[in-house]
Amino acid sequence: MTINWDAEKMSTGVGEIDEQHKEWIRRFNEFDDAVTSQRGVEAIQDAVDFFAQYTHTHFAFEEACMQKYNCPAQSENFMAHAEFQENLSQIDSWVKEGEASLIEVFELKTVLEEWLVNHICTIDVQLRKVV
């Protein structure tokens, strides 16, 4: 399923975070298309590599913003980020080792989709209250 940016529901009030979220969504949509059209392991590995790399830069920036503005969701955000990175690392290992089945790839797609939307719309948007 394609994710569409919805400023009313997803905006954090921090322009740079919102732009990073838009990039996450754009890249997720490319990944979704690669999985749906069965473009192969390379496209999936490229997406997983991007998500693994992007979590480090985006999460660090977002966590710093939450700390800077003393956002009440910062602990919850930090724990959600750590859990997501752990799950992504496991999936990355499966893909790199050639052990990711089609079921696991679809699981990753579902997890990414749900996590992106739910995390942005419930935790990240709490920044709006403090910026």
N, C-alpha and C. Protein backbone atom coordinates (compact mmCIF):
# COMPACT_ATOMS: atom_id res chain seq x y z
N MET A 1 0.84 -1.17 0.00
CA MET A 1 0.00 0.00 0.00
C MET A 1 0.89 1.25 0.00
N THR A 2 0.59 2.16 -0.83
CA THR A 2 1.33 3.41 -0.89
C THR A 2 0.96 4.28 0.30
N ILE A 3 1.95 4.91 0.89
CA ILE A 3 1.72 5.86 1.98
C ILE A 3 1.78 7.26 1.38
N ASN A 4 0.83 8.08 1.71
CA ASN A 4 0.81 9.47 1.26
C ASN A 4 1.06 10.39 2.45
N TRP A 5 1.89 11.40 2.24
CA TRP A 5 2.16 12.39 3.27
C TRP A 5 0.88 13.15 3.56
N ASP A 6 0.51 13.25 4.83
CA ASP A 6 -0.66 14.00 5.26
C ASP A 6 -0.18 15.00 6.31
N ALA A 7 0.04 16.23 5.91
CA ALA A 7 0.62 17.24 6.80
C ALA A 7 -0.19 17.42 8.07
N GLU A 8 -1.50 17.36 7.96
CA GLU A 8 -2.35 17.56 9.14
C GLU A 8 -2.12 16.47 10.19
N LYS A 9 -1.94 15.25 9.74
CA LYS A 9 -1.76 14.13 10.66
C LYS A 9 -0.31 13.84 10.99
N MET A 10 0.61 14.23 10.10
CA MET A 10 2.00 13.78 10.24
C MET A 10 3.01 14.87 10.57
N SER A 11 2.65 16.11 10.43
CA SER A 11 3.61 17.19 10.65
C SER A 11 4.02 17.27 12.12
N THR A 12 5.34 17.43 12.33
CA THR A 12 5.87 17.51 13.69
C THR A 12 6.08 18.95 14.15
N GLY A 13 6.03 19.88 13.21
CA GLY A 13 6.34 21.27 13.54
C GLY A 13 7.82 21.58 13.38
N VAL A 14 8.61 20.57 13.04
CA VAL A 14 10.04 20.75 12.78
C VAL A 14 10.25 20.40 11.31
N GLY A 15 10.49 21.42 10.50
CA GLY A 15 10.57 21.24 9.05
C GLY A 15 11.55 20.17 8.60
N GLU A 16 12.73 20.12 9.21
CA GLU A 16 13.74 19.14 8.80
C GLU A 16 13.28 17.71 9.10
N ILE A 17 12.63 17.51 10.22
CA ILE A 17 12.10 16.18 10.54
C ILE A 17 11.01 15.81 9.55
N ASP A 18 10.13 16.75 9.24
CA ASP A 18 9.07 16.46 8.27
C ASP A 18 9.64 16.10 6.91
N GLU A 19 10.69 16.80 6.48
CA GLU A 19 11.33 16.47 5.20
C GLU A 19 11.96 15.08 5.24
N GLN A 20 12.55 14.74 6.37
CA GLN A 20 13.13 13.40 6.52
C GLN A 20 12.03 12.34 6.49
N HIS A 21 10.90 12.62 7.13
CA HIS A 21 9.78 11.69 7.10
C HIS A 21 9.25 11.52 5.68
N LYS A 22 9.20 12.59 4.93
CA LYS A 22 8.76 12.50 3.52
C LYS A 22 9.71 11.61 2.72
N GLU A 23 11.01 11.72 3.01
CA GLU A 23 11.98 10.87 2.32
C GLU A 23 11.78 9.40 2.72
N TRP A 24 11.55 9.15 4.01
CA TRP A 24 11.24 7.79 4.46
C TRP A 24 10.06 7.23 3.67
N ILE A 25 9.01 8.03 3.57
CA ILE A 25 7.79 7.59 2.89
C ILE A 25 8.06 7.36 1.40
N ARG A 26 8.79 8.27 0.78
CA ARG A 26 9.11 8.11 -0.64
C ARG A 26 9.88 6.81 -0.86
N ARG A 27 10.87 6.56 -0.03
CA ARG A 27 11.66 5.35 -0.17
C ARG A 27 10.85 4.10 0.17
N PHE A 28 9.96 4.20 1.16
CA PHE A 28 9.09 3.06 1.45
C PHE A 28 8.22 2.75 0.24
N ASN A 29 7.67 3.78 -0.39
CA ASN A 29 6.81 3.56 -1.55
C ASN A 29 7.58 2.89 -2.69
N GLU A 30 8.86 3.26 -2.87
CA GLU A 30 9.69 2.58 -3.87
C GLU A 30 9.89 1.11 -3.49
N PHE A 31 10.14 0.86 -2.21
CA PHE A 31 10.31 -0.51 -1.72
C PHE A 31 9.02 -1.30 -1.93
N ASP A 32 7.90 -0.70 -1.58
CA ASP A 32 6.60 -1.35 -1.76
C ASP A 32 6.39 -1.73 -3.23
N ASP A 33 6.74 -0.82 -4.11
CA ASP A 33 6.60 -1.09 -5.54
C ASP A 33 7.53 -2.23 -5.98
N ALA A 34 8.76 -2.26 -5.45
CA ALA A 34 9.71 -3.32 -5.80
C ALA A 34 9.20 -4.68 -5.33
N VAL A 35 8.64 -4.72 -4.14
CA VAL A 35 8.11 -5.98 -3.61
C VAL A 35 6.89 -6.41 -4.41
N THR A 36 5.97 -5.49 -4.64
CA THR A 36 4.73 -5.81 -5.34
C THR A 36 5.00 -6.27 -6.77
N SER A 37 5.94 -5.62 -7.44
CA SER A 37 6.25 -5.99 -8.83
C SER A 37 7.32 -7.07 -8.92
N GLN A 38 7.73 -7.60 -7.78
CA GLN A 38 8.71 -8.69 -7.70
C GLN A 38 9.98 -8.39 -8.50
N ARG A 39 10.55 -7.21 -8.24
CA ARG A 39 11.75 -6.78 -8.97
C ARG A 39 13.02 -7.47 -8.51
N GLY A 40 12.97 -8.21 -7.44
CA GLY A 40 14.12 -9.00 -7.07
C GLY A 40 14.82 -8.57 -5.81
N VAL A 41 15.77 -9.40 -5.43
CA VAL A 41 16.49 -9.25 -4.18
C VAL A 41 17.32 -7.97 -4.16
N GLU A 42 17.89 -7.57 -5.29
CA GLU A 42 18.72 -6.36 -5.32
C GLU A 42 17.93 -5.12 -4.93
N ALA A 43 16.73 -4.99 -5.45
CA ALA A 43 15.89 -3.84 -5.11
C ALA A 43 15.53 -3.86 -3.64
N ILE A 44 15.27 -5.05 -3.13
CA ILE A 44 14.92 -5.18 -1.72
C ILE A 44 16.14 -4.87 -0.85
N GLN A 45 17.30 -5.38 -1.24
CA GLN A 45 18.52 -5.11 -0.47
C GLN A 45 18.85 -3.62 -0.48
N ASP A 46 18.68 -2.96 -1.62
CA ASP A 46 18.91 -1.52 -1.69
C ASP A 46 18.02 -0.77 -0.70
N ALA A 47 16.76 -1.17 -0.65
CA ALA A 47 15.82 -0.52 0.27
C ALA A 47 16.21 -0.78 1.72
N VAL A 48 16.52 -2.02 2.04
CA VAL A 48 16.91 -2.36 3.42
C VAL A 48 18.18 -1.61 3.80
N ASP A 49 19.15 -1.53 2.88
CA ASP A 49 20.37 -0.76 3.15
C ASP A 49 20.05 0.70 3.45
N PHE A 50 19.17 1.29 2.64
CA PHE A 50 18.78 2.67 2.88
C PHE A 50 18.15 2.83 4.25
N PHE A 51 17.18 1.96 4.57
CA PHE A 51 16.48 2.08 5.86
C PHE A 51 17.45 1.92 7.03
N ALA A 52 18.37 0.98 6.91
CA ALA A 52 19.35 0.76 7.98
C ALA A 52 20.23 2.00 8.17
N GLN A 53 20.70 2.57 7.07
CA GLN A 53 21.55 3.77 7.14
C GLN A 53 20.74 4.97 7.62
N TYR A 54 19.55 5.13 7.09
CA TYR A 54 18.75 6.32 7.40
C TYR A 54 18.28 6.34 8.84
N THR A 55 18.08 5.16 9.44
CA THR A 55 17.66 5.15 10.84
C THR A 55 18.70 5.84 11.71
N HIS A 56 19.96 5.64 11.41
CA HIS A 56 21.01 6.25 12.24
C HIS A 56 20.97 7.78 12.18
N THR A 57 20.92 8.32 10.99
CA THR A 57 20.94 9.79 10.87
C THR A 57 19.62 10.41 11.30
N HIS A 58 18.52 9.84 10.83
CA HIS A 58 17.21 10.42 11.16
C HIS A 58 16.90 10.28 12.64
N PHE A 59 17.08 9.08 13.19
CA PHE A 59 16.75 8.87 14.60
C PHE A 59 17.59 9.76 15.50
N ALA A 60 18.88 9.89 15.20
CA ALA A 60 19.74 10.75 16.02
C ALA A 60 19.26 12.19 16.00
N PHE A 61 18.91 12.69 14.81
CA PHE A 61 18.43 14.06 14.70
C PHE A 61 17.10 14.25 15.44
N GLU A 62 16.20 13.32 15.23
CA GLU A 62 14.88 13.43 15.87
C GLU A 62 14.99 13.34 17.40
N GLU A 63 15.82 12.43 17.88
CA GLU A 63 15.99 12.29 19.32
C GLU A 63 16.61 13.55 19.92
N ALA A 64 17.55 14.17 19.20
CA ALA A 64 18.15 15.42 19.67
C ALA A 64 17.11 16.53 19.73
N CYS A 65 16.23 16.59 18.75
CA CYS A 65 15.16 17.60 18.75
C CYS A 65 14.21 17.38 19.93
N MET A 66 13.86 16.14 20.17
CA MET A 66 12.95 15.86 21.29
C MET A 66 13.60 16.25 22.61
N GLN A 67 14.90 16.00 22.72
CA GLN A 67 15.60 16.39 23.94
C GLN A 67 15.68 17.91 24.05
N LYS A 68 16.01 18.56 22.95
CA LYS A 68 16.14 20.02 22.94
C LYS A 68 14.85 20.70 23.39
N TYR A 69 13.72 20.19 22.91
CA TYR A 69 12.43 20.80 23.24
C TYR A 69 11.76 20.15 24.45
N ASN A 70 12.48 19.23 25.10
CA ASN A 70 11.97 18.54 26.28
C ASN A 70 10.60 17.91 26.00
N CYS A 71 10.52 17.22 24.88
CA CYS A 71 9.27 16.58 24.46
C CYS A 71 8.93 15.43 25.41
N PRO A 72 7.69 15.38 25.89
CA PRO A 72 7.31 14.31 26.82
C PRO A 72 7.38 12.91 26.21
N ALA A 73 7.44 12.79 24.90
CA ALA A 73 7.48 11.49 24.25
C ALA A 73 8.90 11.00 23.98
N GLN A 74 9.91 11.72 24.47
CA GLN A 74 11.28 11.37 24.10
C GLN A 74 11.70 9.99 24.57
N SER A 75 11.31 9.54 25.73
CA SER A 75 11.67 8.19 26.19
C SER A 75 11.00 7.12 25.35
N GLU A 76 9.72 7.31 25.11
CA GLU A 76 8.96 6.37 24.27
C GLU A 76 9.55 6.33 22.86
N ASN A 77 9.93 7.49 22.34
CA ASN A 77 10.51 7.58 21.01
C ASN A 77 11.84 6.83 20.96
N PHE A 78 12.69 7.04 21.94
CA PHE A 78 13.99 6.38 21.98
C PHE A 78 13.82 4.85 22.01
N MET A 79 12.91 4.36 22.84
CA MET A 79 12.69 2.92 22.92
C MET A 79 12.14 2.36 21.61
N ALA A 80 11.21 3.09 20.99
CA ALA A 80 10.64 2.64 19.71
C ALA A 80 11.72 2.60 18.63
N HIS A 81 12.60 3.58 18.63
CA HIS A 81 13.69 3.60 17.66
C HIS A 81 14.62 2.40 17.86
N ALA A 82 14.98 2.13 19.10
CA ALA A 82 15.89 1.01 19.39
C ALA A 82 15.26 -0.31 18.96
N GLU A 83 13.99 -0.49 19.25
CA GLU A 83 13.30 -1.74 18.87
C GLU A 83 13.24 -1.87 17.34
N PHE A 84 12.94 -0.76 16.66
CA PHE A 84 12.85 -0.79 15.21
C PHE A 84 14.21 -1.13 14.60
N GLN A 85 15.28 -0.52 15.11
CA GLN A 85 16.61 -0.78 14.57
C GLN A 85 17.01 -2.25 14.78
N GLU A 86 16.62 -2.82 15.90
CA GLU A 86 16.91 -4.23 16.15
C GLU A 86 16.19 -5.12 15.15
N ASN A 87 14.91 -4.85 14.92
CA ASN A 87 14.13 -5.62 13.95
C ASN A 87 14.71 -5.47 12.54
N LEU A 88 15.06 -4.26 12.18
CA LEU A 88 15.61 -3.99 10.85
C LEU A 88 16.96 -4.68 10.67
N SER A 89 17.76 -4.70 11.71
CA SER A 89 19.06 -5.37 11.65
C SER A 89 18.89 -6.87 11.40
N GLN A 90 17.92 -7.47 12.05
CA GLN A 90 17.66 -8.89 11.85
C GLN A 90 17.23 -9.16 10.41
N ILE A 91 16.33 -8.35 9.90
CA ILE A 91 15.85 -8.52 8.53
C ILE A 91 16.99 -8.28 7.54
N ASP A 92 17.81 -7.29 7.81
CA ASP A 92 18.97 -7.01 6.95
C ASP A 92 19.89 -8.23 6.88
N SER A 93 20.11 -8.87 8.01
CA SER A 93 20.94 -10.08 8.03
C SER A 93 20.33 -11.19 7.18
N TRP A 94 19.03 -11.38 7.30
CA TRP A 94 18.34 -12.42 6.51
C TRP A 94 18.51 -12.15 5.02
N VAL A 95 18.32 -10.89 4.63
CA VAL A 95 18.41 -10.55 3.21
C VAL A 95 19.84 -10.76 2.71
N LYS A 96 20.82 -10.27 3.45
CA LYS A 96 22.22 -10.39 3.03
C LYS A 96 22.69 -11.83 2.96
N GLU A 97 22.16 -12.67 3.82
CA GLU A 97 22.56 -14.08 3.85
C GLU A 97 21.72 -14.92 2.89
N GLY A 98 20.80 -14.28 2.19
CA GLY A 98 19.96 -15.00 1.23
C GLY A 98 18.92 -15.86 1.89
N GLU A 99 18.61 -15.57 3.14
CA GLU A 99 17.66 -16.38 3.89
C GLU A 99 16.28 -15.73 4.00
N ALA A 100 16.10 -14.59 3.38
CA ALA A 100 14.82 -13.91 3.45
C ALA A 100 13.87 -14.53 2.43
N SER A 101 12.82 -15.12 2.94
CA SER A 101 11.81 -15.70 2.05
C SER A 101 10.86 -14.59 1.62
N LEU A 102 10.02 -14.91 0.67
CA LEU A 102 9.01 -13.95 0.22
C LEU A 102 8.12 -13.55 1.39
N ILE A 103 7.84 -14.49 2.27
CA ILE A 103 7.01 -14.20 3.44
C ILE A 103 7.69 -13.16 4.33
N GLU A 104 9.00 -13.31 4.54
CA GLU A 104 9.72 -12.35 5.38
C GLU A 104 9.80 -10.98 4.72
N VAL A 105 9.92 -10.94 3.42
CA VAL A 105 9.95 -9.67 2.71
C VAL A 105 8.61 -8.96 2.85
N PHE A 106 7.51 -9.69 2.70
CA PHE A 106 6.20 -9.09 2.88
C PHE A 106 5.98 -8.68 4.34
N GLU A 107 6.55 -9.45 5.26
CA GLU A 107 6.47 -9.08 6.68
C GLU A 107 7.20 -7.76 6.90
N LEU A 108 8.37 -7.63 6.31
CA LEU A 108 9.12 -6.38 6.41
C LEU A 108 8.30 -5.23 5.86
N LYS A 109 7.70 -5.42 4.71
CA LYS A 109 6.88 -4.37 4.10
C LYS A 109 5.76 -3.95 5.05
N THR A 110 5.09 -4.93 5.63
CA THR A 110 3.98 -4.65 6.55
C THR A 110 4.49 -3.94 7.80
N VAL A 111 5.59 -4.43 8.36
CA VAL A 111 6.16 -3.82 9.56
C VAL A 111 6.58 -2.38 9.28
N LEU A 112 7.26 -2.15 8.17
CA LEU A 112 7.69 -0.79 7.82
C LEU A 112 6.50 0.14 7.65
N GLU A 113 5.52 -0.32 6.92
CA GLU A 113 4.34 0.50 6.67
C GLU A 113 3.64 0.88 7.97
N GLU A 114 3.35 -0.11 8.79
CA GLU A 114 2.66 0.15 10.05
C GLU A 114 3.50 1.02 10.97
N TRP A 115 4.81 0.71 11.03
CA TRP A 115 5.67 1.46 11.92
C TRP A 115 5.78 2.91 11.49
N LEU A 116 6.01 3.15 10.22
CA LEU A 116 6.15 4.52 9.74
C LEU A 116 4.91 5.36 10.07
N VAL A 117 3.77 4.85 9.68
CA VAL A 117 2.53 5.62 9.88
C VAL A 117 2.23 5.77 11.37
N ASN A 118 2.25 4.66 12.10
CA ASN A 118 1.89 4.73 13.52
C ASN A 118 2.89 5.54 14.33
N HIS A 119 4.17 5.35 14.06
CA HIS A 119 5.18 6.07 14.82
C HIS A 119 5.10 7.57 14.55
N ILE A 120 5.03 7.94 13.31
CA ILE A 120 4.94 9.37 12.98
C ILE A 120 3.67 9.98 13.57
N CYS A 121 2.55 9.31 13.39
CA CYS A 121 1.25 9.89 13.76
C CYS A 121 0.95 9.83 15.26
N THR A 122 1.68 9.03 16.02
CA THR A 122 1.38 8.97 17.46
C THR A 122 2.51 9.51 18.33
N ILE A 123 3.76 9.24 17.96
CA ILE A 123 4.88 9.66 18.80
C ILE A 123 5.52 10.94 18.28
N ASP A 124 5.94 10.92 17.03
CA ASP A 124 6.67 12.07 16.48
C ASP A 124 5.85 13.35 16.49
N VAL A 125 4.58 13.27 16.23
CA VAL A 125 3.75 14.48 16.18
C VAL A 125 3.63 15.16 17.53
N GLN A 126 4.05 14.50 18.59
CA GLN A 126 4.01 15.13 19.91
C GLN A 126 4.98 16.30 20.00
N LEU A 127 5.90 16.38 19.07
CA LEU A 127 6.79 17.54 19.01
C LEU A 127 6.01 18.83 18.79
N ARG A 128 4.90 18.73 18.05
CA ARG A 128 4.09 19.94 17.76
C ARG A 128 3.69 20.68 19.02
N LYS A 129 3.53 19.95 20.10
CA LYS A 129 3.07 20.57 21.36
C LYS A 129 4.14 21.41 22.03
N VAL A 130 5.41 21.19 21.65
CA VAL A 130 6.49 21.84 22.39
C VAL A 130 7.38 22.75 21.55
N VAL A 131 7.23 22.74 20.23
CA VAL A 131 8.09 23.62 19.40
C VAL A 131 7.41 24.94 19.14
